[in-house]
Amino acid sequence: MEIFVLGSADMNSKQFSASYLIDKKILVDMPGGSSTELMRHGIAPTSVETVLITHMHGDHILGLPVWALQKSKAPSPEEGSIRICVNEEQKPCLENIVRSSFSTSLTEEKTGRYFRWITENDLSLGDLQVRRIPVSHGTFPGCFGYLVSDGRVTAGFTGDSGLCEGVREIVSSSDLAFCDCDLITGTEKHMGIDDLLSLAKEFPDTKIVASHMRDETREELERLRPERITAASDGDVFCL
């Protein structure tokens, strides 16, 4: 399994907002500007087949309208070719955001034909198995992390979350876990370096990659250089 780090930061940082491309076809979250960022790295946005949404904050979803429009205008687009993984409660809101962004192009007929909204918690995407796991992002509802496995190795993505049982499940089940590390000291909304140190001690067999970092958090993590924790940067590639 190959994981390309499209973005590794929070929305107020110098690097791009957190997003991960799995095996060149599945994107975890799609911040605004994702299509441009993909092209900057030589990746065609239309090659992305599925987007896994962790939660509905704007810095994780606002790239979807542009990508959906590009997919719908691709030569001979296939029915159901725009695949977005959300829960049932998120679907109407996200569909409205996508359609209202390009209302004359992404018509009801087109969204009905080309969109496939995936609401299952466990699903198969080609040779990959995906499991969605609830996490805790303060009081914000409908937040999830993901486990993605090819049957040989498993990658985990916590999304934005404080330290919680969902995060522990993701990290304990992963060979490589991409963890929210927005802060130096964690809160109920976001994990900090202290939380990742705790996870590294609790699950020593899992390699932890810190992501969704503020600039000052990245600087502190690079100063500390803790064992078994790697700081992600935009454009990094991890092969499992």
C-alpha atoms as a PDB file:
ATOM      1  CA  MET A   1       0.000   0.000   0.000  1.00  0.00           C
ATOM      2  CA  GLU A   2       1.260   3.475  -0.878  1.00  0.00           C
ATOM      3  CA  ILE A   3       0.164   6.610   0.962  1.00  0.00           C
ATOM      4  CA  PHE A   4       0.961   9.999  -0.525  1.00  0.00           C
ATOM      5  CA  VAL A   5       0.653  12.912   1.894  1.00  0.00           C
ATOM      6  CA  LEU A   6      -1.125  15.592  -0.094  1.00  0.00           C
ATOM      7  CA  GLY A   7      -1.327  17.819   2.982  1.00  0.00           C
ATOM      8  CA  SER A   8      -0.026  17.600   6.535  1.00  0.00           C
ATOM      9  CA  ALA A   9      -1.124  20.780   8.271  1.00  0.00           C
ATOM     10  CA  ASP A  10      -4.083  22.593   9.778  1.00  0.00           C
ATOM     11  CA  MET A  11      -5.733  25.376   7.796  1.00  0.00           C
ATOM     12  CA  ASN A  12      -3.639  28.195   9.349  1.00  0.00           C
ATOM     13  CA  SER A  13      -0.262  26.696   8.477  1.00  0.00           C
ATOM     14  CA  LYS A  14       2.276  27.091   5.681  1.00  0.00           C
ATOM     15  CA  GLN A  15       1.757  23.567   4.381  1.00  0.00           C
ATOM     16  CA  PHE A  16      -1.433  22.202   2.794  1.00  0.00           C
ATOM     17  CA  SER A  17      -4.394  21.032   4.879  1.00  0.00           C
ATOM     18  CA  ALA A  18      -4.303  17.384   5.953  1.00  0.00           C
ATOM     19  CA  SER A  19      -5.213  14.944   3.189  1.00  0.00           C
ATOM     20  CA  TYR A  20      -3.880  11.533   2.126  1.00  0.00           C
ATOM     21  CA  LEU A  21      -3.967   9.702  -1.208  1.00  0.00           C
ATOM     22  CA  ILE A  22      -4.030   5.904  -0.916  1.00  0.00           C
ATOM     23  CA  ASP A  23      -2.762   3.831  -3.841  1.00  0.00           C
ATOM     24  CA  LYS A  24      -3.320   6.812  -6.151  1.00  0.00           C
ATOM     25  CA  LYS A  25      -7.114   6.367  -6.065  1.00  0.00           C
ATOM     26  CA  ILE A  26      -8.607   6.980  -2.599  1.00  0.00           C
ATOM     27  CA  LEU A  27      -8.346  10.367  -0.903  1.00  0.00           C
ATOM     28  CA  VAL A  28      -8.916  10.849   2.817  1.00  0.00           C
ATOM     29  CA  ASP A  29     -10.547  14.305   3.015  1.00  0.00           C
ATOM     30  CA  MET A  30     -10.523  16.933   0.276  1.00  0.00           C
ATOM     31  CA  PRO A  31      -9.636  20.460   1.448  1.00  0.00           C
ATOM     32  CA  GLY A  32     -10.248  23.457  -0.782  1.00  0.00           C
ATOM     33  CA  GLY A  33      -7.598  23.620  -3.491  1.00  0.00           C
ATOM     34  CA  SER A  34      -7.044  19.850  -3.535  1.00  0.00           C
ATOM     35  CA  SER A  35      -7.392  19.574  -7.310  1.00  0.00           C
ATOM     36  CA  THR A  36      -4.721  22.216  -7.848  1.00  0.00           C
ATOM     37  CA  GLU A  37      -2.479  20.587  -5.246  1.00  0.00           C
ATOM     38  CA  LEU A  38      -2.873  17.189  -6.905  1.00  0.00           C
ATOM     39  CA  MET A  39      -1.952  18.654 -10.285  1.00  0.00           C
ATOM     40  CA  ARG A  40       1.050  20.405  -8.745  1.00  0.00           C
ATOM     41  CA  HIS A  41       2.321  16.939  -7.826  1.00  0.00           C
ATOM     42  CA  GLY A  42       1.594  15.560 -11.296  1.00  0.00           C
ATOM     43  CA  ILE A  43      -1.583  13.706 -10.264  1.00  0.00           C
ATOM     44  CA  ALA A  44      -4.756  14.073 -12.312  1.00  0.00           C
ATOM     45  CA  PRO A  45      -7.689  14.898  -9.989  1.00  0.00           C
ATOM     46  CA  THR A  46      -9.936  12.673 -12.111  1.00  0.00           C
ATOM     47  CA  SER A  47      -7.764   9.669 -11.173  1.00  0.00           C
ATOM     48  CA  VAL A  48      -9.159   9.903  -7.634  1.00  0.00           C
ATOM     49  CA  GLU A  49     -12.018   7.416  -7.454  1.00  0.00           C
ATOM     50  CA  THR A  50     -13.262   7.764  -3.879  1.00  0.00           C
ATOM     51  CA  VAL A  51     -13.093  10.381  -1.126  1.00  0.00           C
ATOM     52  CA  LEU A  52     -13.391   9.337   2.523  1.00  0.00           C
ATOM     53  CA  ILE A  53     -14.744  12.211   4.616  1.00  0.00           C
ATOM     54  CA  THR A  54     -13.708  12.391   8.277  1.00  0.00           C
ATOM     55  CA  HIS A  55     -16.037  15.264   9.228  1.00  0.00           C
ATOM     56  CA  MET A  56     -17.842  18.264   7.813  1.00  0.00           C
ATOM     57  CA  HIS A  57     -15.518  21.136   8.694  1.00  0.00           C
ATOM     58  CA  GLY A  58     -14.753  23.276   5.664  1.00  0.00           C
ATOM     59  CA  ASP A  59     -11.013  22.624   5.604  1.00  0.00           C
ATOM     60  CA  HIS A  60     -11.793  18.940   4.994  1.00  0.00           C
ATOM     61  CA  ILE A  61     -14.557  19.097   2.367  1.00  0.00           C
ATOM     62  CA  LEU A  62     -14.419  22.276   0.284  1.00  0.00           C
ATOM     63  CA  GLY A  63     -12.350  20.730  -2.504  1.00  0.00           C
ATOM     64  CA  LEU A  64     -15.184  18.347  -3.337  1.00  0.00           C
ATOM     65  CA  PRO A  65     -17.198  20.612  -5.702  1.00  0.00           C
ATOM     66  CA  VAL A  66     -14.269  21.259  -8.066  1.00  0.00           C
ATOM     67  CA  TRP A  67     -13.260  17.593  -8.099  1.00  0.00           C
ATOM     68  CA  ALA A  68     -16.852  16.489  -8.700  1.00  0.00           C
ATOM     69  CA  LEU A  69     -17.197  18.924 -11.598  1.00  0.00           C
ATOM     70  CA  GLN A  70     -13.940  17.685 -13.125  1.00  0.00           C
ATOM     71  CA  LYS A  71     -15.072  14.068 -12.786  1.00  0.00           C
ATOM     72  CA  SER A  72     -18.476  14.809 -14.323  1.00  0.00           C
ATOM     73  CA  LYS A  73     -16.824  16.455 -17.343  1.00  0.00           C
ATOM     74  CA  ALA A  74     -14.280  13.702 -17.924  1.00  0.00           C
ATOM     75  CA  PRO A  75     -14.579  11.873 -21.262  1.00  0.00           C
ATOM     76  CA  SER A  76     -17.347   9.281 -20.977  1.00  0.00           C
ATOM     77  CA  PRO A  77     -17.888   9.514 -17.191  1.00  0.00           C
ATOM     78  CA  GLU A  78     -19.324   6.319 -15.742  1.00  0.00           C
ATOM     79  CA  GLU A  79     -22.454   6.166 -13.621  1.00  0.00           C
ATOM     80  CA  GLY A  80     -21.572   6.254  -9.938  1.00  0.00           C
ATOM     81  CA  SER A  81     -17.993   7.301 -10.717  1.00  0.00           C
ATOM     82  CA  ILE A  82     -17.990  10.134  -8.140  1.00  0.00           C
ATOM     83  CA  ARG A  83     -17.806   8.153  -4.896  1.00  0.00           C
ATOM     84  CA  ILE A  84     -17.971   9.948  -1.549  1.00  0.00           C
ATOM     85  CA  CYS A  85     -17.987   8.146   1.796  1.00  0.00           C
ATOM     86  CA  VAL A  86     -20.138   9.926   4.403  1.00  0.00           C
ATOM     87  CA  ASN A  87     -22.738   8.966   6.987  1.00  0.00           C
ATOM     88  CA  GLU A  88     -26.472   9.338   6.359  1.00  0.00           C
ATOM     89  CA  GLU A  89     -26.742  12.595   8.333  1.00  0.00           C
ATOM     90  CA  GLN A  90     -23.913  14.263   6.382  1.00  0.00           C
ATOM     91  CA  LYS A  91     -25.123  13.311   2.922  1.00  0.00           C
ATOM     92  CA  PRO A  92     -27.864  15.972   2.372  1.00  0.00           C
ATOM     93  CA  CYS A  93     -25.653  18.816   3.573  1.00  0.00           C
ATOM     94  CA  LEU A  94     -22.671  17.756   1.498  1.00  0.00           C
ATOM     95  CA  GLU A  95     -24.792  17.160  -1.587  1.00  0.00           C
ATOM     96  CA  ASN A  96     -26.192  20.673  -1.234  1.00  0.00           C
ATOM     97  CA  ILE A  97     -22.691  22.168  -0.910  1.00  0.00           C
ATOM     98  CA  VAL A  98     -21.482  20.370  -4.033  1.00  0.00           C
ATOM     99  CA  ARG A  99     -24.541  21.127  -6.154  1.00  0.00           C
ATOM    100  CA  SER A 100     -24.901  24.775  -5.096  1.00  0.00           C
ATOM    101  CA  SER A 101     -21.246  25.444  -5.915  1.00  0.00           C
ATOM    102  CA  PHE A 102     -21.866  24.659  -9.620  1.00  0.00           C
ATOM    103  CA  SER A 103     -25.658  24.651  -9.860  1.00  0.00           C
ATOM    104  CA  THR A 104     -25.858  24.916 -13.659  1.00  0.00           C
ATOM    105  CA  SER A 105     -23.257  22.190 -14.266  1.00  0.00           C
ATOM    106  CA  LEU A 106     -23.838  19.751 -11.408  1.00  0.00           C
ATOM    107  CA  THR A 107     -27.545  19.446 -12.018  1.00  0.00           C
ATOM    108  CA  GLU A 108     -29.859  17.100 -10.151  1.00  0.00           C
ATOM    109  CA  GLU A 109     -29.740  14.774 -13.166  1.00  0.00           C
ATOM    110  CA  LYS A 110     -25.934  14.679 -13.127  1.00  0.00           C
ATOM    111  CA  THR A 111     -25.588  14.215  -9.376  1.00  0.00           C
ATOM    112  CA  GLY A 112     -28.207  11.505  -9.468  1.00  0.00           C
ATOM    113  CA  ARG A 113     -26.397   9.738 -12.278  1.00  0.00           C
ATOM    114  CA  TYR A 114     -22.719  10.135 -11.470  1.00  0.00           C
ATOM    115  CA  PHE A 115     -22.647  10.355  -7.672  1.00  0.00           C
ATOM    116  CA  ARG A 116     -22.466   7.351  -5.395  1.00  0.00           C
ATOM    117  CA  TRP A 117     -22.866   8.237  -1.728  1.00  0.00           C
ATOM    118  CA  ILE A 118     -21.313   5.478   0.391  1.00  0.00           C
ATOM    119  CA  THR A 119     -22.824   5.382   3.876  1.00  0.00           C
ATOM    120  CA  GLU A 120     -21.742   1.932   5.099  1.00  0.00           C
ATOM    121  CA  ASN A 121     -19.259   1.734   7.971  1.00  0.00           C
ATOM    122  CA  ASP A 122     -17.521  -1.274   6.389  1.00  0.00           C
ATOM    123  CA  LEU A 123     -16.900  -1.376   2.669  1.00  0.00           C
ATOM    124  CA  SER A 124     -14.741  -2.848  -0.062  1.00  0.00           C
ATOM    125  CA  LEU A 125     -13.017  -0.549  -2.544  1.00  0.00           C
ATOM    126  CA  GLY A 126     -11.333  -2.801  -5.069  1.00  0.00           C
ATOM    127  CA  ASP A 127      -8.725  -4.795  -3.184  1.00  0.00           C
ATOM    128  CA  LEU A 128      -8.934  -2.560  -0.106  1.00  0.00           C
ATOM    129  CA  GLN A 129     -11.157  -3.001   2.936  1.00  0.00           C
ATOM    130  CA  VAL A 130     -12.242   0.198   4.674  1.00  0.00           C
ATOM    131  CA  ARG A 131     -13.713   0.580   8.154  1.00  0.00           C
ATOM    132  CA  ARG A 132     -15.078   3.858   9.532  1.00  0.00           C
ATOM    133  CA  ILE A 133     -14.667   4.441  13.270  1.00  0.00           C
ATOM    134  CA  PRO A 134     -16.276   7.233  15.362  1.00  0.00           C
ATOM    135  CA  VAL A 135     -13.856   9.643  17.045  1.00  0.00           C
ATOM    136  CA  SER A 136     -14.337  12.692  19.263  1.00  0.00           C
ATOM    137  CA  HIS A 137     -13.714  16.213  17.919  1.00  0.00           C
ATOM    138  CA  GLY A 138     -15.030  18.136  20.910  1.00  0.00           C
ATOM    139  CA  THR A 139     -18.776  18.689  20.579  1.00  0.00           C
ATOM    140  CA  PHE A 140     -18.780  18.641  16.765  1.00  0.00           C
ATOM    141  CA  PRO A 141     -21.019  15.782  15.566  1.00  0.00           C
ATOM    142  CA  GLY A 142     -20.321  13.065  13.013  1.00  0.00           C
ATOM    143  CA  CYS A 143     -16.539  12.731  13.220  1.00  0.00           C
ATOM    144  CA  PHE A 144     -14.724   9.606  12.048  1.00  0.00           C
ATOM    145  CA  GLY A 145     -11.377   8.017  11.471  1.00  0.00           C
ATOM    146  CA  TYR A 146     -10.659   5.196   9.035  1.00  0.00           C
ATOM    147  CA  LEU A 147      -8.811   1.900   8.849  1.00  0.00           C
ATOM    148  CA  VAL A 148      -7.735   0.860   5.345  1.00  0.00           C
ATOM    149  CA  SER A 149      -6.329  -2.633   4.793  1.00  0.00           C
ATOM    150  CA  ASP A 150      -5.122  -4.618   1.788  1.00  0.00           C
ATOM    151  CA  GLY A 151      -5.199  -7.865   3.781  1.00  0.00           C
ATOM    152  CA  ARG A 152      -1.474  -7.641   4.443  1.00  0.00           C
ATOM    153  CA  VAL A 153      -1.026  -4.257   6.127  1.00  0.00           C
ATOM    154  CA  THR A 154      -3.357  -1.653   7.638  1.00  0.00           C
ATOM    155  CA  ALA A 155      -3.124   2.131   7.581  1.00  0.00           C
ATOM    156  CA  GLY A 156      -5.076   4.232  10.061  1.00  0.00           C
ATOM    157  CA  PHE A 157      -6.276   7.830   9.840  1.00  0.00           C
ATOM    158  CA  THR A 158      -7.647   9.457  12.992  1.00  0.00           C
ATOM    159  CA  GLY A 159      -9.011  12.594  11.383  1.00  0.00           C
ATOM    160  CA  ASP A 160      -9.394  15.541  13.759  1.00  0.00           C
ATOM    161  CA  SER A 161      -9.868  14.147  17.246  1.00  0.00           C
ATOM    162  CA  GLY A 162      -8.955  14.373  20.865  1.00  0.00           C
ATOM    163  CA  LEU A 163      -7.529  11.266  22.453  1.00  0.00           C
ATOM    164  CA  CYS A 164     -10.430   8.820  22.720  1.00  0.00           C
ATOM    165  CA  GLU A 165     -11.293   5.128  22.433  1.00  0.00           C
ATOM    166  CA  GLY A 166     -11.854   5.464  18.692  1.00  0.00           C
ATOM    167  CA  VAL A 167      -8.328   6.804  18.251  1.00  0.00           C
ATOM    168  CA  ARG A 168      -6.935   3.991  20.384  1.00  0.00           C
ATOM    169  CA  GLU A 169      -8.782   1.453  18.233  1.00  0.00           C
ATOM    170  CA  ILE A 170      -7.384   2.995  15.052  1.00  0.00           C
ATOM    171  CA  VAL A 171      -3.804   3.139  16.319  1.00  0.00           C
ATOM    172  CA  SER A 172      -3.858  -0.345  17.876  1.00  0.00           C
ATOM    173  CA  SER A 173      -5.200  -1.846  14.612  1.00  0.00           C
ATOM    174  CA  SER A 174      -2.712  -0.111  12.310  1.00  0.00           C
ATOM    175  CA  ASP A 175       0.763  -0.844  11.074  1.00  0.00           C
ATOM    176  CA  LEU A 176       1.040   2.869  10.257  1.00  0.00           C
ATOM    177  CA  ALA A 177      -1.265   5.471  11.828  1.00  0.00           C
ATOM    178  CA  PHE A 178      -1.636   9.056  10.621  1.00  0.00           C
ATOM    179  CA  CYS A 179      -2.646  10.972  13.737  1.00  0.00           C
ATOM    180  CA  ASP A 180      -4.040  14.434  14.309  1.00  0.00           C
ATOM    181  CA  CYS A 181      -1.369  16.437  16.181  1.00  0.00           C
ATOM    182  CA  ASP A 182      -2.634  19.982  15.899  1.00  0.00           C
ATOM    183  CA  LEU A 183      -1.335  21.064  19.298  1.00  0.00           C
ATOM    184  CA  ILE A 184       1.631  20.788  21.597  1.00  0.00           C
ATOM    185  CA  THR A 185      -0.691  19.915  24.490  1.00  0.00           C
ATOM    186  CA  GLY A 186      -3.863  18.085  23.500  1.00  0.00           C
ATOM    187  CA  THR A 187      -7.469  19.063  24.195  1.00  0.00           C
ATOM    188  CA  GLU A 188     -10.827  17.354  23.687  1.00  0.00           C
ATOM    189  CA  LYS A 189     -10.876  18.685  20.113  1.00  0.00           C
ATOM    190  CA  HIS A 190      -7.359  17.897  18.927  1.00  0.00           C
ATOM    191  CA  MET A 191      -4.531  15.677  20.040  1.00  0.00           C
ATOM    192  CA  GLY A 192      -1.176  17.123  20.983  1.00  0.00           C
ATOM    193  CA  ILE A 193       2.382  15.890  21.084  1.00  0.00           C
ATOM    194  CA  ASP A 194       1.710  14.642  24.623  1.00  0.00           C
ATOM    195  CA  ASP A 195      -1.112  12.414  23.352  1.00  0.00           C
ATOM    196  CA  LEU A 196       1.021  10.948  20.571  1.00  0.00           C
ATOM    197  CA  LEU A 197       3.785  10.195  23.067  1.00  0.00           C
ATOM    198  CA  SER A 198       1.203   8.342  25.159  1.00  0.00           C
ATOM    199  CA  LEU A 199      -0.049   6.393  22.123  1.00  0.00           C
ATOM    200  CA  ALA A 200       3.497   5.482  21.082  1.00  0.00           C
ATOM    201  CA  LYS A 201       4.119   4.073  24.558  1.00  0.00           C
ATOM    202  CA  GLU A 202       0.786   2.226  24.664  1.00  0.00           C
ATOM    203  CA  PHE A 203       1.097   0.728  21.149  1.00  0.00           C
ATOM    204  CA  PRO A 204       4.828   0.246  20.476  1.00  0.00           C
ATOM    205  CA  ASP A 205       4.247  -1.945  17.411  1.00  0.00           C
ATOM    206  CA  THR A 206       2.489   0.848  15.494  1.00  0.00           C
ATOM    207  CA  LYS A 207       4.427   3.476  13.586  1.00  0.00           C
ATOM    208  CA  ILE A 208       2.840   6.878  14.230  1.00  0.00           C
ATOM    209  CA  VAL A 209       2.886   9.736  11.734  1.00  0.00           C
ATOM    210  CA  ALA A 210       1.951  13.151  13.134  1.00  0.00           C
ATOM    211  CA  SER A 211      -0.142  15.283  10.810  1.00  0.00           C
ATOM    212  CA  HIS A 212      -2.695  18.140  10.757  1.00  0.00           C
ATOM    213  CA  MET A 213      -0.033  20.213  12.546  1.00  0.00           C
ATOM    214  CA  ARG A 214       0.222  23.883  13.293  1.00  0.00           C
ATOM    215  CA  ASP A 215       3.592  25.392  12.408  1.00  0.00           C
ATOM    216  CA  GLU A 216       4.592  25.782  16.053  1.00  0.00           C
ATOM    217  CA  THR A 217       3.612  22.167  16.778  1.00  0.00           C
ATOM    218  CA  ARG A 218       5.729  20.959  13.860  1.00  0.00           C
ATOM    219  CA  GLU A 219       8.683  22.996  15.121  1.00  0.00           C
ATOM    220  CA  GLU A 220       8.348  21.547  18.626  1.00  0.00           C
ATOM    221  CA  LEU A 221       8.003  17.988  17.337  1.00  0.00           C
ATOM    222  CA  GLU A 222      11.086  18.402  15.171  1.00  0.00           C
ATOM    223  CA  ARG A 223      12.957  19.778  18.176  1.00  0.00           C
ATOM    224  CA  LEU A 224      11.948  16.835  20.388  1.00  0.00           C
ATOM    225  CA  ARG A 225      12.420  14.103  17.736  1.00  0.00           C
ATOM    226  CA  PRO A 226      10.532  11.479  19.778  1.00  0.00           C
ATOM    227  CA  GLU A 227      11.094   7.806  19.038  1.00  0.00           C
ATOM    228  CA  ARG A 228       8.495   6.012  16.869  1.00  0.00           C
ATOM    229  CA  ILE A 229       6.817   9.294  15.835  1.00  0.00           C
ATOM    230  CA  THR A 230       7.429  10.808  12.396  1.00  0.00           C
ATOM    231  CA  ALA A 231       6.331  14.305  11.392  1.00  0.00           C
ATOM    232  CA  ALA A 232       4.580  14.241   8.025  1.00  0.00           C
ATOM    233  CA  SER A 233       5.309  16.864   5.384  1.00  0.00           C
ATOM    234  CA  ASP A 234       3.482  17.645   2.163  1.00  0.00           C
ATOM    235  CA  GLY A 235       4.597  15.309  -0.608  1.00  0.00           C
ATOM    236  CA  ASP A 236       5.857  12.536   1.676  1.00  0.00           C
ATOM    237  CA  VAL A 237       5.312   8.984   0.446  1.00  0.00           C
ATOM    238  CA  PHE A 238       4.915   6.041   2.831  1.00  0.00           C
ATOM    239  CA  CYS A 239       5.043   2.508   1.450  1.00  0.00           C
ATOM    240  CA  LEU A 240       3.764  -0.333   3.595  1.00  0.00           C
END
